[in-house]
Amino acid sequence: MTQKRNVTWFVILTVAFSWPLFLLPLAVPGSAGVAWMLAMFGPGLAAIVVIRFIARESLSSLNLKRLGPRRFYAWAWLLPPALSVAALGFTLLFGVGIFDTTFAIVREALPDEATAVPVTLIVFVQILSALTFAPLINVVLGAMGEELGWRGFLLPRLEELGKCRAILISSVIWGLWHAPIILQGHNYPGRPVLGIFLMVGWCVLLGVVLSWLYFATRSPWAPALAHGSVNATAGLPMLFLVPGVDMVWGGTLASVSGWIGLALFAVWLVATGRLPIPWRE
């Protein structure tokens, strides 16, 4: 009963912290960038408040001083770009998008004064940053704010239900938490309602990977790094596609084409015993 109370308060506070910021751009146009970044800290703040003032436990239970086996940080850093490459491959395989070597989507986004800079250089720098320092920056600018809550707090407090249920429940809550920004066209432009269901599905698949990293390290840092890497690389396939791709079906790691690589990796984790989550525990 105590754990149920703590989880309930966590969800309430997370929504209370994040959703007003998610909705702020509706009242203040142009504020989405800053408001949504701040909203990412909602789960972490909720976790701290619940532990400190409701559960009255030590903040050390969040394991911020723990890293765990270092090899999982290589997985956290490099797996998301590999899955994004797979998303591009499946997008092309199923004919959802057309490969573009002229980087037209980048040219369209550039202001006129930037046309003097070679587009190939801009693409190279963008890819290089996404693979190197961007994941680390993303950890600081929100990924840890989320993972401290979702994997650092919520997942282990649901673990008594069994790992499978803990992953599923925490991931569904995580997906639904995104509802206000999905309704505003984020991730799945033009599909606001369908997008909520797609986001939940994606969060369940991605949640398997992030939960594996948490269980392997018992630290929020590994899933936070993976989350930061996902944020940095999930959209890279769009650089190589002709503009106009339906992002429901392809072009990003969050699309249905991106789900395939995530699902295959999740199956591999379970089949090889790296993530022991029997359906009946």
Protein backbone atom coordinates (compact mmCIF):
# COMPACT_ATOMS: atom_id res chain seq x y z
CA MET A 1 0.00 0.00 0.00
CA THR A 2 2.85 2.38 0.83
CA GLN A 3 4.55 1.72 -2.51
CA LYS A 4 1.25 2.21 -4.35
CA ARG A 5 0.82 5.55 -2.57
CA ASN A 6 4.33 6.63 -3.55
CA VAL A 7 3.81 5.67 -7.19
CA THR A 8 0.45 7.46 -7.30
CA TRP A 9 1.95 10.64 -5.88
CA PHE A 10 4.85 10.38 -8.33
CA VAL A 11 2.50 10.25 -11.32
CA ILE A 12 0.37 13.13 -9.99
CA LEU A 13 3.37 15.36 -9.32
CA THR A 14 5.03 14.49 -12.63
CA VAL A 15 1.93 15.59 -14.52
CA ALA A 16 1.57 18.68 -12.32
CA PHE A 17 5.17 19.71 -13.00
CA SER A 18 5.36 18.90 -16.71
CA TRP A 19 1.98 19.36 -18.36
CA PRO A 20 1.62 23.12 -17.72
CA LEU A 21 5.01 23.55 -19.42
CA PHE A 22 4.00 21.23 -22.26
CA LEU A 23 0.90 23.37 -22.80
CA LEU A 24 2.61 26.76 -22.40
CA PRO A 25 3.28 27.20 -26.16
CA LEU A 26 -0.48 27.28 -26.73
CA ALA A 27 -0.59 30.50 -24.70
CA VAL A 28 2.91 31.77 -25.50
CA PRO A 29 3.86 31.01 -29.12
CA GLY A 30 7.54 30.37 -29.63
CA SER A 31 8.13 29.07 -26.11
CA ALA A 32 8.10 25.36 -26.98
CA GLY A 33 11.87 24.88 -26.99
CA VAL A 34 12.53 26.17 -23.49
CA ALA A 35 9.19 25.10 -21.99
CA TRP A 36 9.44 21.52 -23.20
CA MET A 37 13.05 21.21 -22.10
CA LEU A 38 12.08 22.35 -18.58
CA ALA A 39 9.16 19.91 -18.62
CA MET A 40 11.62 17.05 -19.01
CA PHE A 41 12.78 17.68 -15.44
CA GLY A 42 9.29 16.99 -14.11
CA PRO A 43 9.73 13.23 -13.49
CA GLY A 44 13.02 13.74 -11.67
CA LEU A 45 11.64 16.53 -9.51
CA ALA A 46 8.59 14.41 -8.70
CA ALA A 47 10.82 11.51 -7.69
CA ILE A 48 12.85 13.72 -5.35
CA VAL A 49 9.74 15.22 -3.73
CA VAL A 50 8.11 11.83 -3.20
CA ILE A 51 11.23 10.25 -1.73
CA ARG A 52 12.09 13.17 0.51
CA PHE A 53 8.67 14.36 1.72
CA ILE A 54 6.20 11.50 1.18
CA ALA A 55 8.18 8.27 1.50
CA ARG A 56 10.67 10.04 3.81
CA GLU A 57 13.52 7.97 2.45
CA SER A 58 17.09 8.91 1.66
CA LEU A 59 17.75 10.32 -1.80
CA SER A 60 20.52 7.73 -2.02
CA SER A 61 17.80 5.25 -3.07
CA LEU A 62 17.88 6.90 -6.50
CA ASN A 63 21.42 5.51 -6.94
CA LEU A 64 22.85 8.72 -8.37
CA LYS A 65 26.25 7.82 -6.89
CA ARG A 66 26.24 4.45 -8.62
CA LEU A 67 27.41 3.79 -12.19
CA GLY A 68 27.49 0.00 -12.48
CA PRO A 69 29.49 -1.94 -15.09
CA ARG A 70 31.10 0.49 -17.52
CA ARG A 71 30.53 -1.61 -20.66
CA PHE A 72 26.83 -0.76 -20.62
CA TYR A 73 27.65 2.89 -21.24
CA ALA A 74 29.07 1.92 -24.62
CA TRP A 75 25.74 0.25 -25.37
CA ALA A 76 23.91 3.34 -24.14
CA TRP A 77 25.95 5.63 -26.38
CA LEU A 78 26.18 3.59 -29.59
CA LEU A 79 22.99 1.53 -29.73
CA PRO A 80 20.61 4.46 -30.49
CA PRO A 81 22.51 5.60 -33.61
CA ALA A 82 22.69 1.98 -34.78
CA LEU A 83 18.92 1.66 -34.34
CA SER A 84 18.43 4.93 -36.21
CA VAL A 85 20.44 3.54 -39.13
CA ALA A 86 18.18 0.49 -39.01
CA ALA A 87 15.15 2.80 -39.06
CA LEU A 88 16.50 4.42 -42.24
CA GLY A 89 17.08 0.99 -43.76
CA PHE A 90 13.54 -0.20 -43.04
CA THR A 91 12.11 3.12 -44.28
CA LEU A 92 13.82 2.56 -47.62
CA LEU A 93 13.08 -1.18 -47.70
CA PHE A 94 9.34 -0.67 -47.34
CA GLY A 95 9.25 2.25 -49.77
CA VAL A 96 8.09 4.73 -47.15
CA GLY A 97 10.82 7.18 -48.13
CA ILE A 98 13.18 7.85 -51.03
CA PHE A 99 16.93 8.11 -50.48
CA ASP A 100 18.26 11.60 -51.18
CA THR A 101 21.95 12.39 -51.61
CA THR A 102 21.29 16.11 -52.20
CA PHE A 103 20.09 16.68 -48.60
CA ALA A 104 17.09 18.63 -49.87
CA ILE A 105 15.46 18.63 -46.45
CA VAL A 106 18.47 20.49 -45.05
CA ARG A 107 18.53 22.96 -47.95
CA GLU A 108 14.87 23.79 -47.37
CA ALA A 109 15.50 24.49 -43.69
CA LEU A 110 18.49 26.78 -44.24
CA PRO A 111 18.04 30.56 -44.19
CA ASP A 112 19.13 32.34 -47.36
CA GLU A 113 22.27 33.75 -45.72
CA ALA A 114 23.51 30.24 -44.93
CA THR A 115 23.55 29.04 -48.52
CA ALA A 116 27.25 29.89 -48.81
CA VAL A 117 28.06 27.04 -46.42
CA PRO A 118 28.29 23.65 -48.16
CA VAL A 119 25.29 21.54 -47.22
CA THR A 120 27.44 18.44 -46.99
CA LEU A 121 29.54 20.18 -44.32
CA ILE A 122 26.42 21.09 -42.35
CA VAL A 123 25.20 17.49 -42.49
CA PHE A 124 28.63 16.17 -41.51
CA VAL A 125 28.82 18.49 -38.49
CA GLN A 126 25.28 17.57 -37.45
CA ILE A 127 26.01 13.85 -37.61
CA LEU A 128 29.36 14.25 -35.86
CA SER A 129 27.84 16.23 -33.00
CA ALA A 130 24.97 13.72 -32.66
CA LEU A 131 27.48 10.89 -32.27
CA THR A 132 29.90 12.66 -29.92
CA PHE A 133 29.01 15.43 -27.49
CA ALA A 134 25.27 15.87 -28.13
CA PRO A 135 24.26 12.81 -26.04
CA LEU A 136 26.19 14.21 -23.07
CA ILE A 137 24.61 17.64 -23.47
CA ASN A 138 21.19 16.01 -23.70
CA VAL A 139 21.79 14.18 -20.42
CA VAL A 140 22.20 17.55 -18.70
CA LEU A 141 19.40 19.26 -20.63
CA GLY A 142 16.64 16.88 -19.70
CA ALA A 143 17.39 13.20 -20.25
CA MET A 144 18.49 12.72 -16.65
CA GLY A 145 15.49 14.76 -15.52
CA GLU A 146 13.30 12.11 -17.12
CA GLU A 147 15.32 9.00 -16.33
CA LEU A 148 15.71 9.88 -12.67
CA GLY A 149 11.95 9.57 -12.50
CA TRP A 150 11.04 6.84 -15.00
CA ARG A 151 13.87 4.38 -14.47
CA GLY A 152 15.50 5.69 -11.29
CA PHE A 153 12.29 5.90 -9.25
CA LEU A 154 9.25 4.35 -10.95
CA LEU A 155 10.70 1.18 -12.49
CA PRO A 156 12.28 -0.27 -9.32
CA ARG A 157 9.18 0.55 -7.27
CA LEU A 158 7.06 -1.46 -9.69
CA GLU A 159 9.58 -4.31 -9.80
CA GLU A 160 7.76 -6.26 -7.10
CA LEU A 161 5.06 -6.87 -9.76
CA GLY A 162 7.67 -8.63 -11.89
CA LYS A 163 10.14 -7.12 -14.35
CA CYS A 164 7.84 -7.55 -17.33
CA ARG A 165 4.93 -5.74 -15.71
CA ALA A 166 7.24 -3.10 -14.27
CA ILE A 167 8.65 -2.31 -17.71
CA LEU A 168 5.23 -2.31 -19.35
CA ILE A 169 3.48 -0.15 -16.77
CA SER A 170 6.31 2.39 -16.41
CA SER A 171 6.66 2.66 -20.20
CA VAL A 172 2.93 3.17 -20.78
CA ILE A 173 2.87 5.94 -18.16
CA TRP A 174 5.94 7.46 -19.80
CA GLY A 175 4.25 7.37 -23.20
CA LEU A 176 1.01 8.93 -21.97
CA TRP A 177 3.00 11.66 -20.22
CA HIS A 178 3.93 12.92 -23.72
CA ALA A 179 0.25 13.37 -24.71
CA PRO A 180 0.15 17.21 -24.58
CA ILE A 181 3.07 17.63 -26.98
CA ILE A 182 1.91 14.84 -29.28
CA LEU A 183 -1.46 16.59 -29.58
CA GLN A 184 0.48 19.68 -30.68
CA GLY A 185 2.05 17.75 -33.56
CA HIS A 186 5.36 16.63 -32.06
CA ASN A 187 6.85 13.37 -33.43
CA TYR A 188 3.80 12.55 -35.59
CA PRO A 189 2.75 15.75 -37.42
CA GLY A 190 -0.85 15.76 -38.55
CA ARG A 191 -1.75 12.67 -36.50
CA PRO A 192 -2.39 14.07 -33.00
CA VAL A 193 -4.73 11.38 -31.65
CA LEU A 194 -3.15 8.42 -33.40
CA GLY A 195 0.19 9.87 -32.36
CA ILE A 196 -0.59 9.32 -28.67
CA PHE A 197 -1.05 5.59 -29.24
CA LEU A 198 2.06 5.48 -31.41
CA MET A 199 4.07 7.26 -28.75
CA VAL A 200 2.93 4.76 -26.12
CA GLY A 201 3.94 1.88 -28.37
CA TRP A 202 7.33 3.43 -29.04
CA CYS A 203 7.92 4.13 -25.37
CA VAL A 204 7.16 0.51 -24.53
CA LEU A 205 9.75 -0.73 -27.03
CA LEU A 206 12.33 1.88 -26.08
CA GLY A 207 11.45 1.32 -22.43
CA VAL A 208 12.61 -2.28 -22.74
CA VAL A 209 16.07 -1.08 -23.79
CA LEU A 210 16.30 1.65 -21.16
CA SER A 211 15.03 -0.70 -18.46
CA TRP A 212 17.62 -3.30 -19.47
CA LEU A 213 20.33 -0.69 -18.98
CA TYR A 214 18.90 0.19 -15.58
CA PHE A 215 18.65 -3.41 -14.40
CA ALA A 216 22.18 -4.10 -15.68
CA THR A 217 23.69 -1.15 -13.80
CA ARG A 218 21.13 -0.31 -11.12
CA SER A 219 21.92 3.29 -12.00
CA PRO A 220 19.88 6.00 -13.74
CA TRP A 221 23.01 7.23 -15.54
CA ALA A 222 23.11 4.49 -18.19
CA PRO A 223 19.49 4.91 -19.32
CA ALA A 224 19.96 8.70 -19.16
CA LEU A 225 22.91 8.47 -21.55
CA ALA A 226 20.93 6.21 -23.87
CA HIS A 227 17.98 8.61 -23.69
CA GLY A 228 20.31 11.49 -24.55
CA SER A 229 21.71 9.53 -27.47
CA VAL A 230 18.20 8.74 -28.71
CA ASN A 231 17.29 12.42 -28.60
CA ALA A 232 20.44 13.24 -30.55
CA THR A 233 20.14 10.61 -33.29
CA ALA A 234 16.49 9.58 -33.67
CA GLY A 235 15.85 12.14 -36.41
CA LEU A 236 19.08 11.69 -38.38
CA PRO A 237 17.51 9.39 -41.01
CA MET A 238 15.41 12.34 -42.20
CA LEU A 239 18.60 13.98 -43.50
CA PHE A 240 18.89 11.27 -46.13
CA LEU A 241 15.29 11.22 -47.32
CA VAL A 242 13.34 13.26 -49.84
CA PRO A 243 11.11 15.74 -47.96
CA GLY A 244 7.54 14.69 -47.34
CA VAL A 245 8.04 11.39 -45.53
CA ASP A 246 5.06 10.35 -43.42
CA MET A 247 6.68 10.24 -39.99
CA VAL A 248 4.13 7.75 -38.75
CA TRP A 249 5.62 5.11 -41.02
CA GLY A 250 9.25 6.08 -41.50
CA GLY A 251 12.05 8.59 -41.27
CA THR A 252 12.73 8.56 -37.53
CA LEU A 253 13.41 6.07 -34.78
CA ALA A 254 9.95 6.86 -33.38
CA SER A 255 8.24 5.78 -36.61
CA VAL A 256 6.87 2.32 -37.27
CA SER A 257 9.98 1.60 -39.34
CA GLY A 258 12.04 2.48 -36.27
CA TRP A 259 10.01 0.13 -34.12
CA ILE A 260 11.27 -2.89 -36.04
CA GLY A 261 14.89 -2.54 -34.97
CA LEU A 262 13.82 -1.82 -31.38
CA ALA A 263 11.55 -4.87 -31.33
CA LEU A 264 14.26 -7.13 -32.77
CA PHE A 265 16.76 -5.91 -30.20
CA ALA A 266 14.25 -6.43 -27.38
CA VAL A 267 13.62 -9.99 -28.57
CA TRP A 268 17.37 -10.59 -28.66
CA LEU A 269 17.74 -9.31 -25.09
CA VAL A 270 15.08 -11.69 -23.83
CA ALA A 271 16.13 -14.66 -25.97
CA THR A 272 19.76 -14.45 -24.84
CA GLY A 273 18.86 -14.06 -21.17
CA ARG A 274 20.30 -10.56 -20.96
CA LEU A 275 16.90 -9.33 -19.84
CA PRO A 276 15.25 -12.10 -17.86
CA ILE A 277 11.59 -11.08 -17.96
CA PRO A 278 9.44 -14.21 -18.13
CA TRP A 279 5.78 -13.39 -18.57
CA ARG A 280 5.01 -15.34 -15.42
CA GLU A 281 7.33 -14.49 -12.55
